[in-house]
Amino acid sequence: MSKITKEQYEFALARIEELLPMVNDDTPSNDRNAIELTMMSDVVIDYEKEHFPISKPSVAELIELSLEEEGMTQKQLAQQIGISPSRINDYVTGRAEPTLKIARMLCRILKITPAEMLSC
């Protein structure tokens, strides 16, 4: 596929705004508006992948996000693992990386898959 220009991207964004009210979950997939919405969405996705890539979170970001999702404080996590809250803070701020043993516990308690933790 050829490179998508900024103008094409901006056109696609504007067209998506126009099409969204005309397409819902009950719209047949062969409807003209549904097809165009899919095509415009593909243009936006391709442009954003190239110009606004999303980097993988660091271990620190993963822990911080998971704490938020679980509604847990650093202190509560520290108590469950049996380490000091300052050590958890070291992990959340990126000053330290958890050991394999601690990483396993973080995965279990924060419902992080080992694959997510390893891909950081």
PDB file of N, CA and C in Angstrom:
ATOM      1  N   MET A   1       0.843  -1.181   0.000  1.00  0.00           N
ATOM      2  CA  MET A   1       0.000   0.000   0.000  1.00  0.00           C
ATOM      3  C   MET A   1       0.888   1.243   0.000  1.00  0.00           C
ATOM      4  N   SER A   2       0.471   2.244  -0.717  1.00  0.00           N
ATOM      5  CA  SER A   2       1.268   3.471  -0.762  1.00  0.00           C
ATOM      6  C   SER A   2       1.130   4.233   0.549  1.00  0.00           C
ATOM      7  N   LYS A   3       2.080   5.122   0.768  1.00  0.00           N
ATOM      8  CA  LYS A   3       2.059   5.934   1.992  1.00  0.00           C
ATOM      9  C   LYS A   3       0.817   6.810   2.017  1.00  0.00           C
ATOM     10  N   ILE A   4       0.235   6.915   3.196  1.00  0.00           N
ATOM     11  CA  ILE A   4      -0.944   7.752   3.385  1.00  0.00           C
ATOM     12  C   ILE A   4      -0.466   9.137   3.789  1.00  0.00           C
ATOM     13  N   THR A   5      -0.953  10.141   3.086  1.00  0.00           N
ATOM     14  CA  THR A   5      -0.537  11.512   3.392  1.00  0.00           C
ATOM     15  C   THR A   5      -1.321  12.048   4.583  1.00  0.00           C
ATOM     16  N   LYS A   6      -0.816  13.134   5.146  1.00  0.00           N
ATOM     17  CA  LYS A   6      -1.510  13.775   6.261  1.00  0.00           C
ATOM     18  C   LYS A   6      -2.901  14.251   5.824  1.00  0.00           C
ATOM     19  N   GLU A   7      -2.988  14.748   4.602  1.00  0.00           N
ATOM     20  CA  GLU A   7      -4.271  15.223   4.069  1.00  0.00           C
ATOM     21  C   GLU A   7      -5.274  14.073   3.958  1.00  0.00           C
ATOM     22  N   GLN A   8      -4.811  12.921   3.471  1.00  0.00           N
ATOM     23  CA  GLN A   8      -5.690  11.755   3.362  1.00  0.00           C
ATOM     24  C   GLN A   8      -6.146  11.300   4.749  1.00  0.00           C
ATOM     25  N   TYR A   9      -5.228  11.326   5.690  1.00  0.00           N
ATOM     26  CA  TYR A   9      -5.529  10.948   7.072  1.00  0.00           C
ATOM     27  C   TYR A   9      -6.597  11.874   7.645  1.00  0.00           C
ATOM     28  N   GLU A  10      -6.405  13.183   7.472  1.00  0.00           N
ATOM     29  CA  GLU A  10      -7.357  14.157   8.001  1.00  0.00           C
ATOM     30  C   GLU A  10      -8.722  14.033   7.319  1.00  0.00           C
ATOM     31  N   PHE A  11      -8.722  13.760   6.016  1.00  0.00           N
ATOM     32  CA  PHE A  11      -9.975  13.527   5.301  1.00  0.00           C
ATOM     33  C   PHE A  11     -10.690  12.308   5.888  1.00  0.00           C
ATOM     34  N   ALA A  12      -9.925  11.226   6.093  1.00  0.00           N
ATOM     35  CA  ALA A  12     -10.509   9.992   6.625  1.00  0.00           C
ATOM     36  C   ALA A  12     -11.099  10.225   8.015  1.00  0.00           C
ATOM     37  N   LEU A  13     -10.388  10.974   8.862  1.00  0.00           N
ATOM     38  CA  LEU A  13     -10.907  11.283  10.201  1.00  0.00           C
ATOM     39  C   LEU A  13     -12.237  12.033  10.112  1.00  0.00           C
ATOM     40  N   ALA A  14     -12.283  13.044   9.245  1.00  0.00           N
ATOM     41  CA  ALA A  14     -13.506  13.840   9.085  1.00  0.00           C
ATOM     42  C   ALA A  14     -14.642  12.971   8.533  1.00  0.00           C
ATOM     43  N   ARG A  15     -14.326  12.118   7.581  1.00  0.00           N
ATOM     44  CA  ARG A  15     -15.360  11.259   6.975  1.00  0.00           C
ATOM     45  C   ARG A  15     -15.891  10.248   7.994  1.00  0.00           C
ATOM     46  N   ILE A  16     -15.020   9.747   8.858  1.00  0.00           N
ATOM     47  CA  ILE A  16     -15.459   8.820   9.904  1.00  0.00           C
ATOM     48  C   ILE A  16     -16.487   9.504  10.808  1.00  0.00           C
ATOM     49  N   GLU A  17     -16.218  10.759  11.169  1.00  0.00           N
ATOM     50  CA  GLU A  17     -17.161  11.521  12.003  1.00  0.00           C
ATOM     51  C   GLU A  17     -18.527  11.620  11.325  1.00  0.00           C
ATOM     52  N   GLU A  18     -18.540  11.786  10.005  1.00  0.00           N
ATOM     53  CA  GLU A  18     -19.797  11.884   9.255  1.00  0.00           C
ATOM     54  C   GLU A  18     -20.506  10.529   9.173  1.00  0.00           C
ATOM     55  N   LEU A  19     -19.722   9.457   9.042  1.00  0.00           N
ATOM     56  CA  LEU A  19     -20.292   8.127   8.850  1.00  0.00           C
ATOM     57  C   LEU A  19     -20.770   7.468  10.144  1.00  0.00           C
ATOM     58  N   LEU A  20     -20.132   7.764  11.255  1.00  0.00           N
ATOM     59  CA  LEU A  20     -20.464   7.087  12.508  1.00  0.00           C
ATOM     60  C   LEU A  20     -21.948   7.144  12.866  1.00  0.00           C
ATOM     61  N   PRO A  21     -22.625   8.286  12.733  1.00  0.00           N
ATOM     62  CA  PRO A  21     -24.052   8.307  13.070  1.00  0.00           C
ATOM     63  C   PRO A  21     -24.920   7.453  12.132  1.00  0.00           C
ATOM     64  N   MET A  22     -24.392   7.122  10.961  1.00  0.00           N
ATOM     65  CA  MET A  22     -25.169   6.374   9.972  1.00  0.00           C
ATOM     66  C   MET A  22     -24.974   4.860  10.064  1.00  0.00           C
ATOM     67  N   VAL A  23     -24.018   4.433  10.882  1.00  0.00           N
ATOM     68  CA  VAL A  23     -23.695   3.006  10.966  1.00  0.00           C
ATOM     69  C   VAL A  23     -23.771   2.578  12.431  1.00  0.00           C
ATOM     70  N   ASN A  24     -24.460   1.463  12.673  1.00  0.00           N
ATOM     71  CA  ASN A  24     -24.497   0.900  14.030  1.00  0.00           C
ATOM     72  C   ASN A  24     -24.357  -0.613  13.934  1.00  0.00           C
ATOM     73  N   ASP A  25     -24.504  -1.296  15.056  1.00  0.00           N
ATOM     74  CA  ASP A  25     -24.311  -2.753  15.075  1.00  0.00           C
ATOM     75  C   ASP A  25     -25.307  -3.503  14.192  1.00  0.00           C
ATOM     76  N   ASP A  26     -26.460  -2.876  13.900  1.00  0.00           N
ATOM     77  CA  ASP A  26     -27.479  -3.536  13.080  1.00  0.00           C
ATOM     78  C   ASP A  26     -27.303  -3.274  11.578  1.00  0.00           C
ATOM     79  N   THR A  27     -26.365  -2.405  11.225  1.00  0.00           N
ATOM     80  CA  THR A  27     -26.134  -2.085   9.811  1.00  0.00           C
ATOM     81  C   THR A  27     -25.489  -3.295   9.129  1.00  0.00           C
ATOM     82  N   PRO A  28     -26.048  -3.733   8.003  1.00  0.00           N
ATOM     83  CA  PRO A  28     -25.432  -4.869   7.292  1.00  0.00           C
ATOM     84  C   PRO A  28     -24.003  -4.543   6.865  1.00  0.00           C
ATOM     85  N   SER A  29     -23.148  -5.539   6.873  1.00  0.00           N
ATOM     86  CA  SER A  29     -21.735  -5.304   6.534  1.00  0.00           C
ATOM     87  C   SER A  29     -21.549  -4.919   5.069  1.00  0.00           C
ATOM     88  N   ASN A  30     -22.553  -5.203   4.218  1.00  0.00           N
ATOM     89  CA  ASN A  30     -22.434  -4.821   2.807  1.00  0.00           C
ATOM     90  C   ASN A  30     -23.079  -3.464   2.525  1.00  0.00           C
ATOM     91  N   ASP A  31     -23.509  -2.749   3.557  1.00  0.00           N
ATOM     92  CA  ASP A  31     -24.058  -1.402   3.406  1.00  0.00           C
ATOM     93  C   ASP A  31     -22.937  -0.462   2.955  1.00  0.00           C
ATOM     94  N   ARG A  32     -23.247   0.453   2.040  1.00  0.00           N
ATOM     95  CA  ARG A  32     -22.228   1.369   1.484  1.00  0.00           C
ATOM     96  C   ARG A  32     -21.531   2.169   2.575  1.00  0.00           C
ATOM     97  N   ASN A  33     -22.313   2.682   3.530  1.00  0.00           N
ATOM     98  CA  ASN A  33     -21.721   3.477   4.607  1.00  0.00           C
ATOM     99  C   ASN A  33     -20.821   2.614   5.506  1.00  0.00           C
ATOM    100  N   ALA A  34     -21.241   1.388   5.766  1.00  0.00           N
ATOM    101  CA  ALA A  34     -20.438   0.485   6.602  1.00  0.00           C
ATOM    102  C   ALA A  34     -19.121   0.153   5.903  1.00  0.00           C
ATOM    103  N   ILE A  35     -19.195  -0.085   4.609  1.00  0.00           N
ATOM    104  CA  ILE A  35     -17.976  -0.388   3.839  1.00  0.00           C
ATOM    105  C   ILE A  35     -17.037   0.813   3.847  1.00  0.00           C
ATOM    106  N   GLU A  36     -17.606   2.000   3.591  1.00  0.00           N
ATOM    107  CA  GLU A  36     -16.766   3.201   3.578  1.00  0.00           C
ATOM    108  C   GLU A  36     -16.171   3.471   4.960  1.00  0.00           C
ATOM    109  N   LEU A  37     -16.957   3.243   6.008  1.00  0.00           N
ATOM    110  CA  LEU A  37     -16.445   3.451   7.365  1.00  0.00           C
ATOM    111  C   LEU A  37     -15.259   2.523   7.637  1.00  0.00           C
ATOM    112  N   THR A  38     -15.367   1.281   7.209  1.00  0.00           N
ATOM    113  CA  THR A  38     -14.266   0.325   7.369  1.00  0.00           C
ATOM    114  C   THR A  38     -13.030   0.789   6.610  1.00  0.00           C
ATOM    115  N   MET A  39     -13.232   1.250   5.385  1.00  0.00           N
ATOM    116  CA  MET A  39     -12.100   1.704   4.564  1.00  0.00           C
ATOM    117  C   MET A  39     -11.442   2.943   5.177  1.00  0.00           C
ATOM    118  N   MET A  40     -12.249   3.886   5.624  1.00  0.00           N
ATOM    119  CA  MET A  40     -11.696   5.101   6.241  1.00  0.00           C
ATOM    120  C   MET A  40     -10.974   4.758   7.540  1.00  0.00           C
ATOM    121  N   SER A  41     -11.526   3.815   8.296  1.00  0.00           N
ATOM    122  CA  SER A  41     -10.883   3.378   9.538  1.00  0.00           C
ATOM    123  C   SER A  41      -9.526   2.744   9.254  1.00  0.00           C
ATOM    124  N   ASP A  42      -9.462   1.948   8.193  1.00  0.00           N
ATOM    125  CA  ASP A  42      -8.191   1.324   7.810  1.00  0.00           C
ATOM    126  C   ASP A  42      -7.141   2.376   7.465  1.00  0.00           C
ATOM    127  N   VAL A  43      -7.555   3.440   6.769  1.00  0.00           N
ATOM    128  CA  VAL A  43      -6.637   4.533   6.421  1.00  0.00           C
ATOM    129  C   VAL A  43      -6.086   5.167   7.696  1.00  0.00           C
ATOM    130  N   VAL A  44      -6.984   5.457   8.641  1.00  0.00           N
ATOM    131  CA  VAL A  44      -6.578   6.087   9.910  1.00  0.00           C
ATOM    132  C   VAL A  44      -5.641   5.165  10.687  1.00  0.00           C
ATOM    133  N   ILE A  45      -5.995   3.895  10.781  1.00  0.00           N
ATOM    134  CA  ILE A  45      -5.168   2.928  11.522  1.00  0.00           C
ATOM    135  C   ILE A  45      -3.772   2.839  10.904  1.00  0.00           C
ATOM    136  N   ASP A  46      -3.696   2.713   9.573  1.00  0.00           N
ATOM    137  CA  ASP A  46      -2.393   2.594   8.906  1.00  0.00           C
ATOM    138  C   ASP A  46      -1.537   3.841   9.135  1.00  0.00           C
ATOM    139  N   TYR A  47      -2.157   5.007   9.032  1.00  0.00           N
ATOM    140  CA  TYR A  47      -1.421   6.265   9.226  1.00  0.00           C
ATOM    141  C   TYR A  47      -0.923   6.357  10.676  1.00  0.00           C
ATOM    142  N   GLU A  48      -1.802   6.043  11.624  1.00  0.00           N
ATOM    143  CA  GLU A  48      -1.418   6.168  13.037  1.00  0.00           C
ATOM    144  C   GLU A  48      -0.357   5.150  13.441  1.00  0.00           C
ATOM    145  N   LYS A  49      -0.404   3.950  12.862  1.00  0.00           N
ATOM    146  CA  LYS A  49       0.639   2.951  13.152  1.00  0.00           C
ATOM    147  C   LYS A  49       2.009   3.481  12.750  1.00  0.00           C
ATOM    148  N   GLU A  50       2.047   4.177  11.620  1.00  0.00           N
ATOM    149  CA  GLU A  50       3.312   4.703  11.113  1.00  0.00           C
ATOM    150  C   GLU A  50       3.762   5.952  11.875  1.00  0.00           C
ATOM    151  N   HIS A  51       2.828   6.857  12.146  1.00  0.00           N
ATOM    152  CA  HIS A  51       3.191   8.154  12.713  1.00  0.00           C
ATOM    153  C   HIS A  51       3.058   8.255  14.240  1.00  0.00           C
ATOM    154  N   PHE A  52       2.256   7.399  14.837  1.00  0.00           N
ATOM    155  CA  PHE A  52       2.059   7.441  16.284  1.00  0.00           C
ATOM    156  C   PHE A  52       2.164   6.034  16.868  1.00  0.00           C
ATOM    157  N   PRO A  53       3.310   5.392  16.686  1.00  0.00           N
ATOM    158  CA  PRO A  53       3.422   4.010  17.173  1.00  0.00           C
ATOM    159  C   PRO A  53       3.276   3.949  18.698  1.00  0.00           C
ATOM    160  N   ILE A  54       2.642   2.903  19.154  1.00  0.00           N
ATOM    161  CA  ILE A  54       2.463   2.696  20.590  1.00  0.00           C
ATOM    162  C   ILE A  54       3.564   1.753  21.051  1.00  0.00           C
ATOM    163  N   SER A  55       4.374   2.244  21.967  1.00  0.00           N
ATOM    164  CA  SER A  55       5.451   1.404  22.468  1.00  0.00           C
ATOM    165  C   SER A  55       4.916   0.511  23.583  1.00  0.00           C
ATOM    166  N   LYS A  56       5.604  -0.583  23.780  1.00  0.00           N
ATOM    167  CA  LYS A  56       5.212  -1.491  24.852  1.00  0.00           C
ATOM    168  C   LYS A  56       5.495  -0.814  26.186  1.00  0.00           C
ATOM    169  N   PRO A  57       4.650  -1.082  27.184  1.00  0.00           N
ATOM    170  CA  PRO A  57       4.897  -0.461  28.483  1.00  0.00           C
ATOM    171  C   PRO A  57       6.135  -1.062  29.139  1.00  0.00           C
ATOM    172  N   SER A  58       6.771  -0.287  29.973  1.00  0.00           N
ATOM    173  CA  SER A  58       7.888  -0.811  30.756  1.00  0.00           C
ATOM    174  C   SER A  58       7.310  -1.646  31.897  1.00  0.00           C
ATOM    175  N   VAL A  59       8.167  -2.385  32.583  1.00  0.00           N
ATOM    176  CA  VAL A  59       7.720  -3.158  33.749  1.00  0.00           C
ATOM    177  C   VAL A  59       7.082  -2.204  34.759  1.00  0.00           C
ATOM    178  N   ALA A  60       7.705  -1.040  34.961  1.00  0.00           N
ATOM    179  CA  ALA A  60       7.186  -0.056  35.910  1.00  0.00           C
ATOM    180  C   ALA A  60       5.779   0.390  35.512  1.00  0.00           C
ATOM    181  N   GLU A  61       5.583   0.708  34.235  1.00  0.00           N
ATOM    182  CA  GLU A  61       4.265   1.146  33.761  1.00  0.00           C
ATOM    183  C   GLU A  61       3.229   0.028  33.875  1.00  0.00           C
ATOM    184  N   LEU A  62       3.647  -1.195  33.583  1.00  0.00           N
ATOM    185  CA  LEU A  62       2.751  -2.337  33.672  1.00  0.00           C
ATOM    186  C   LEU A  62       2.271  -2.541  35.104  1.00  0.00           C
ATOM    187  N   ILE A  63       3.184  -2.437  36.047  1.00  0.00           N
ATOM    188  CA  ILE A  63       2.811  -2.591  37.458  1.00  0.00           C
ATOM    189  C   ILE A  63       1.876  -1.462  37.879  1.00  0.00           C
ATOM    190  N   GLU A  64       2.226  -0.234  37.499  1.00  0.00           N
ATOM    191  CA  GLU A  64       1.410   0.917  37.880  1.00  0.00           C
ATOM    192  C   GLU A  64      -0.009   0.807  37.291  1.00  0.00           C
ATOM    193  N   LEU A  65      -0.113   0.464  36.024  1.00  0.00           N
ATOM    194  CA  LEU A  65      -1.422   0.309  35.387  1.00  0.00           C
ATOM    195  C   LEU A  65      -2.224  -0.806  36.043  1.00  0.00           C
ATOM    196  N   SER A  66      -1.562  -1.902  36.359  1.00  0.00           N
ATOM    197  CA  SER A  66      -2.246  -3.041  36.963  1.00  0.00           C
ATOM    198  C   SER A  66      -2.729  -2.711  38.379  1.00  0.00           C
ATOM    199  N   LEU A  67      -1.944  -1.944  39.115  1.00  0.00           N
ATOM    200  CA  LEU A  67      -2.381  -1.496  40.438  1.00  0.00           C
ATOM    201  C   LEU A  67      -3.682  -0.701  40.318  1.00  0.00           C
ATOM    202  N   GLU A  68      -3.708   0.213  39.349  1.00  0.00           N
ATOM    203  CA  GLU A  68      -4.915   1.023  39.116  1.00  0.00           C
ATOM    204  C   GLU A  68      -6.100   0.147  38.758  1.00  0.00           C
ATOM    205  N   GLU A  69      -5.883  -0.781  37.825  1.00  0.00           N
ATOM    206  CA  GLU A  69      -6.968  -1.653  37.378  1.00  0.00           C
ATOM    207  C   GLU A  69      -7.514  -2.502  38.520  1.00  0.00           C
ATOM    208  N   GLU A  70      -6.652  -2.925  39.418  1.00  0.00           N
ATOM    209  CA  GLU A  70      -7.073  -3.757  40.542  1.00  0.00           C
ATOM    210  C   GLU A  70      -7.575  -2.923  41.719  1.00  0.00           C
ATOM    211  N   GLY A  71      -7.442  -1.598  41.627  1.00  0.00           N
ATOM    212  CA  GLY A  71      -7.873  -0.725  42.714  1.00  0.00           C
ATOM    213  C   GLY A  71      -7.067  -0.960  43.986  1.00  0.00           C
ATOM    214  N   MET A  72      -5.789  -1.187  43.807  1.00  0.00           N
ATOM    215  CA  MET A  72      -4.915  -1.547  44.918  1.00  0.00           C
ATOM    216  C   MET A  72      -3.842  -0.477  45.106  1.00  0.00           C
ATOM    217  N   THR A  73      -3.458  -0.228  46.346  1.00  0.00           N
ATOM    218  CA  THR A  73      -2.376   0.711  46.624  1.00  0.00           C
ATOM    219  C   THR A  73      -1.048  -0.034  46.622  1.00  0.00           C
ATOM    220  N   GLN A  74       0.022   0.736  46.524  1.00  0.00           N
ATOM    221  CA  GLN A  74       1.362   0.135  46.601  1.00  0.00           C
ATOM    222  C   GLN A  74       1.546  -0.543  47.964  1.00  0.00           C
ATOM    223  N   LYS A  75       1.016   0.075  48.992  1.00  0.00           N
ATOM    224  CA  LYS A  75       1.142  -0.472  50.352  1.00  0.00           C
ATOM    225  C   LYS A  75       0.412  -1.820  50.453  1.00  0.00           C
ATOM    226  N   GLN A  76      -0.793  -1.900  49.891  1.00  0.00           N
ATOM    227  CA  GLN A  76      -1.543  -3.163  49.920  1.00  0.00           C
ATOM    228  C   GLN A  76      -0.802  -4.262  49.161  1.00  0.00           C
ATOM    229  N   LEU A  77      -0.231  -3.891  48.015  1.00  0.00           N
ATOM    230  CA  LEU A  77       0.525  -4.858  47.225  1.00  0.00           C
ATOM    231  C   LEU A  77       1.743  -5.341  48.008  1.00  0.00           C
ATOM    232  N   ALA A  78       2.438  -4.402  48.627  1.00  0.00           N
ATOM    233  CA  ALA A  78       3.621  -4.754  49.425  1.00  0.00           C
ATOM    234  C   ALA A  78       3.263  -5.740  50.528  1.00  0.00           C
ATOM    235  N   GLN A  79       2.125  -5.502  51.196  1.00  0.00           N
ATOM    236  CA  GLN A  79       1.688  -6.402  52.272  1.00  0.00           C
ATOM    237  C   GLN A  79       1.404  -7.796  51.741  1.00  0.00           C
ATOM    238  N   GLN A  80       0.755  -7.882  50.583  1.00  0.00           N
ATOM    239  CA  GLN A  80       0.427  -9.195  50.013  1.00  0.00           C
ATOM    240  C   GLN A  80       1.680  -9.966  49.602  1.00  0.00           C
ATOM    241  N   ILE A  81       2.685  -9.233  49.123  1.00  0.00           N
ATOM    242  CA  ILE A  81       3.914  -9.894  48.678  1.00  0.00           C
ATOM    243  C   ILE A  81       4.858 -10.161  49.847  1.00  0.00           C
ATOM    244  N   GLY A  82       4.782  -9.299  50.865  1.00  0.00           N
ATOM    245  CA  GLY A  82       5.669  -9.452  52.017  1.00  0.00           C
ATOM    246  C   GLY A  82       6.969  -8.687  51.853  1.00  0.00           C
ATOM    247  N   ILE A  83       6.897  -7.546  51.156  1.00  0.00           N
ATOM    248  CA  ILE A  83       8.069  -6.685  51.010  1.00  0.00           C
ATOM    249  C   ILE A  83       7.673  -5.263  51.418  1.00  0.00           C
ATOM    250  N   SER A  84       8.640  -4.386  51.479  1.00  0.00           N
ATOM    251  CA  SER A  84       8.357  -3.023  51.931  1.00  0.00           C
ATOM    252  C   SER A  84       7.657  -2.207  50.837  1.00  0.00           C
ATOM    253  N   PRO A  85       6.789  -1.273  51.250  1.00  0.00           N
ATOM    254  CA  PRO A  85       6.148  -0.394  50.272  1.00  0.00           C
ATOM    255  C   PRO A  85       7.171   0.407  49.454  1.00  0.00           C
ATOM    256  N   SER A  86       8.303   0.745  50.064  1.00  0.00           N
ATOM    257  CA  SER A  86       9.317   1.496  49.316  1.00  0.00           C
ATOM    258  C   SER A  86       9.903   0.654  48.183  1.00  0.00           C
ATOM    259  N   ARG A  87       9.949  -0.659  48.395  1.00  0.00           N
ATOM    260  CA  ARG A  87      10.453  -1.545  47.332  1.00  0.00           C
ATOM    261  C   ARG A  87       9.464  -1.584  46.163  1.00  0.00           C
ATOM    262  N   ILE A  88       8.170  -1.630  46.471  1.00  0.00           N
ATOM    263  CA  ILE A  88       7.148  -1.570  45.419  1.00  0.00           C
ATOM    264  C   ILE A  88       7.290  -0.249  44.670  1.00  0.00           C
ATOM    265  N   ASN A  89       7.495   0.823  45.419  1.00  0.00           N
ATOM    266  CA  ASN A  89       7.664   2.132  44.790  1.00  0.00           C
ATOM    267  C   ASN A  89       8.874   2.132  43.858  1.00  0.00           C
ATOM    268  N   ASP A  90       9.936   1.440  44.249  1.00  0.00           N
ATOM    269  CA  ASP A  90      11.110   1.326  43.372  1.00  0.00           C
ATOM    270  C   ASP A  90      10.735   0.662  42.044  1.00  0.00           C
ATOM    271  N   TYR A  91       9.860  -0.354  42.100  1.00  0.00           N
ATOM    272  CA  TYR A  91       9.425  -1.031  40.876  1.00  0.00           C
ATOM    273  C   TYR A  91       8.552  -0.107  40.026  1.00  0.00           C
ATOM    274  N   VAL A  92       7.625   0.620  40.686  1.00  0.00           N
ATOM    275  CA  VAL A  92       6.683   1.485  39.972  1.00  0.00           C
ATOM    276  C   VAL A  92       7.390   2.676  39.330  1.00  0.00           C
ATOM    277  N   THR A  93       8.425   3.170  39.969  1.00  0.00           N
ATOM    278  CA  THR A  93       9.146   4.325  39.424  1.00  0.00           C
ATOM    279  C   THR A  93      10.258   3.917  38.461  1.00  0.00           C
ATOM    280  N   GLY A  94      10.537   2.615  38.384  1.00  0.00           N
ATOM    281  CA  GLY A  94      11.565   2.143  37.467  1.00  0.00           C
ATOM    282  C   GLY A  94      12.969   2.184  38.048  1.00  0.00           C
ATOM    283  N   ARG A  95      13.087   2.471  39.350  1.00  0.00           N
ATOM    284  CA  ARG A  95      14.416   2.495  39.978  1.00  0.00           C
ATOM    285  C   ARG A  95      14.974   1.089  40.167  1.00  0.00           C
ATOM    286  N   ALA A  96      14.075   0.095  40.176  1.00  0.00           N
ATOM    287  CA  ALA A  96      14.524  -1.292  40.354  1.00  0.00           C
ATOM    288  C   ALA A  96      13.617  -2.212  39.549  1.00  0.00           C
ATOM    289  N   GLU A  97      14.155  -3.352  39.153  1.00  0.00           N
ATOM    290  CA  GLU A  97      13.386  -4.380  38.454  1.00  0.00           C
ATOM    291  C   GLU A  97      13.109  -5.505  39.454  1.00  0.00           C
ATOM    292  N   PRO A  98      11.911  -6.071  39.437  1.00  0.00           N
ATOM    293  CA  PRO A  98      11.617  -7.164  40.371  1.00  0.00           C
ATOM    294  C   PRO A  98      12.414  -8.423  40.030  1.00  0.00           C
ATOM    295  N   THR A  99      12.735  -9.178  41.058  1.00  0.00           N
ATOM    296  CA  THR A  99      13.377 -10.473  40.844  1.00  0.00           C
ATOM    297  C   THR A  99      12.353 -11.404  40.210  1.00  0.00           C
ATOM    298  N   LEU A 100      12.800 -12.537  39.730  1.00  0.00           N
ATOM    299  CA  LEU A 100      11.891 -13.498  39.116  1.00  0.00           C
ATOM    300  C   LEU A 100      10.816 -13.938  40.113  1.00  0.00           C
ATOM    301  N   LYS A 101      11.217 -14.182  41.348  1.00  0.00           N
ATOM    302  CA  LYS A 101      10.267 -14.607  42.392  1.00  0.00           C
ATOM    303  C   LYS A 101       9.207 -13.526  42.616  1.00  0.00           C
ATOM    304  N   ILE A 102       9.635 -12.280  42.736  1.00  0.00           N
ATOM    305  CA  ILE A 102       8.705 -11.159  42.958  1.00  0.00           C
ATOM    306  C   ILE A 102       7.844 -10.955  41.714  1.00  0.00           C
ATOM    307  N   ALA A 103       8.439 -11.084  40.538  1.00  0.00           N
ATOM    308  CA  ALA A 103       7.691 -10.916  39.290  1.00  0.00           C
ATOM    309  C   ALA A 103       6.553 -11.937  39.204  1.00  0.00           C
ATOM    310  N   ARG A 104       6.822 -13.168  39.629  1.00  0.00           N
ATOM    311  CA  ARG A 104       5.775 -14.202  39.642  1.00  0.00           C
ATOM    312  C   ARG A 104       4.622 -13.785  40.547  1.00  0.00           C
ATOM    313  N   MET A 105       4.958 -13.273  41.726  1.00  0.00           N
ATOM    314  CA  MET A 105       3.919 -12.844  42.669  1.00  0.00           C
ATOM    315  C   MET A 105       3.149 -11.650  42.123  1.00  0.00           C
ATOM    316  N   LEU A 106       3.863 -10.713  41.493  1.00  0.00           N
ATOM    317  CA  LEU A 106       3.201  -9.550  40.893  1.00  0.00           C
ATOM    318  C   LEU A 106       2.202 -10.008  39.832  1.00  0.00           C
ATOM    319  N   CYS A 107       2.612 -10.952  39.007  1.00  0.00           N
ATOM    320  CA  CYS A 107       1.729 -11.471  37.960  1.00  0.00           C
ATOM    321  C   CYS A 107       0.473 -12.087  38.566  1.00  0.00           C
ATOM    322  N   ARG A 108       0.655 -12.876  39.604  1.00  0.00           N
ATOM    323  CA  ARG A 108      -0.483 -13.559  40.227  1.00  0.00           C
ATOM    324  C   ARG A 108      -1.430 -12.555  40.888  1.00  0.00           C
ATOM    325  N   ILE A 109      -0.892 -11.653  41.678  1.00  0.00           N
ATOM    326  CA  ILE A 109      -1.714 -10.710  42.443  1.00  0.00           C
ATOM    327  C   ILE A 109      -2.353  -9.660  41.546  1.00  0.00           C
ATOM    328  N   LEU A 110      -1.601  -9.149  40.576  1.00  0.00           N
ATOM    329  CA  LEU A 110      -2.103  -8.069  39.721  1.00  0.00           C
ATOM    330  C   LEU A 110      -2.758  -8.574  38.437  1.00  0.00           C
ATOM    331  N   LYS A 111      -2.853  -9.912  38.318  1.00  0.00           N
ATOM    332  CA  LYS A 111      -3.471 -10.526  37.135  1.00  0.00           C
ATOM    333  C   LYS A 111      -2.779 -10.084  35.838  1.00  0.00           C
ATOM    334  N   ILE A 112      -1.459 -10.077  35.883  1.00  0.00           N
ATOM    335  CA  ILE A 112      -0.627  -9.798  34.709  1.00  0.00           C
ATOM    336  C   ILE A 112      -0.194 -11.157  34.163  1.00  0.00           C
ATOM    337  N   THR A 113      -0.320 -11.350  32.866  1.00  0.00           N
ATOM    338  CA  THR A 113       0.149 -12.628  32.325  1.00  0.00           C
ATOM    339  C   THR A 113       1.679 -12.613  32.296  1.00  0.00           C
ATOM    340  N   PRO A 114       2.296 -13.776  32.489  1.00  0.00           N
ATOM    341  CA  PRO A 114       3.759 -13.817  32.411  1.00  0.00           C
ATOM    342  C   PRO A 114       4.262 -13.302  31.056  1.00  0.00           C
ATOM    343  N   ALA A 115       3.519 -13.556  29.977  1.00  0.00           N
ATOM    344  CA  ALA A 115       3.925 -13.072  28.649  1.00  0.00           C
ATOM    345  C   ALA A 115       3.991 -11.541  28.627  1.00  0.00           C
ATOM    346  N   GLU A 116       3.006 -10.893  29.267  1.00  0.00           N
ATOM    347  CA  GLU A 116       3.019  -9.420  29.326  1.00  0.00           C
ATOM    348  C   GLU A 116       4.254  -8.929  30.069  1.00  0.00           C
ATOM    349  N   MET A 117       4.544  -9.567  31.197  1.00  0.00           N
ATOM    350  CA  MET A 117       5.684  -9.154  32.019  1.00  0.00           C
ATOM    351  C   MET A 117       6.981  -9.370  31.250  1.00  0.00           C
ATOM    352  N   LEU A 118       7.100 -10.474  30.542  1.00  0.00           N
ATOM    353  CA  LEU A 118       8.330 -10.788  29.806  1.00  0.00           C
ATOM    354  C   LEU A 118       8.515  -9.915  28.568  1.00  0.00           C
ATOM    355  N   SER A 119       7.415  -9.422  28.006  1.00  0.00           N
ATOM    356  CA  SER A 119       7.541  -8.640  26.772  1.00  0.00           C
ATOM    357  C   SER A 119       7.965  -7.195  27.019  1.00  0.00           C
ATOM    358  N   CYS A 120       8.048  -6.810  28.281  1.00  0.00           N
ATOM    359  CA  CYS A 120       8.444  -5.426  28.600  1.00  0.00           C
ATOM    360  C   CYS A 120       9.916  -5.211  28.348  1.00  0.00           C
TER     361      CYS A 120
END
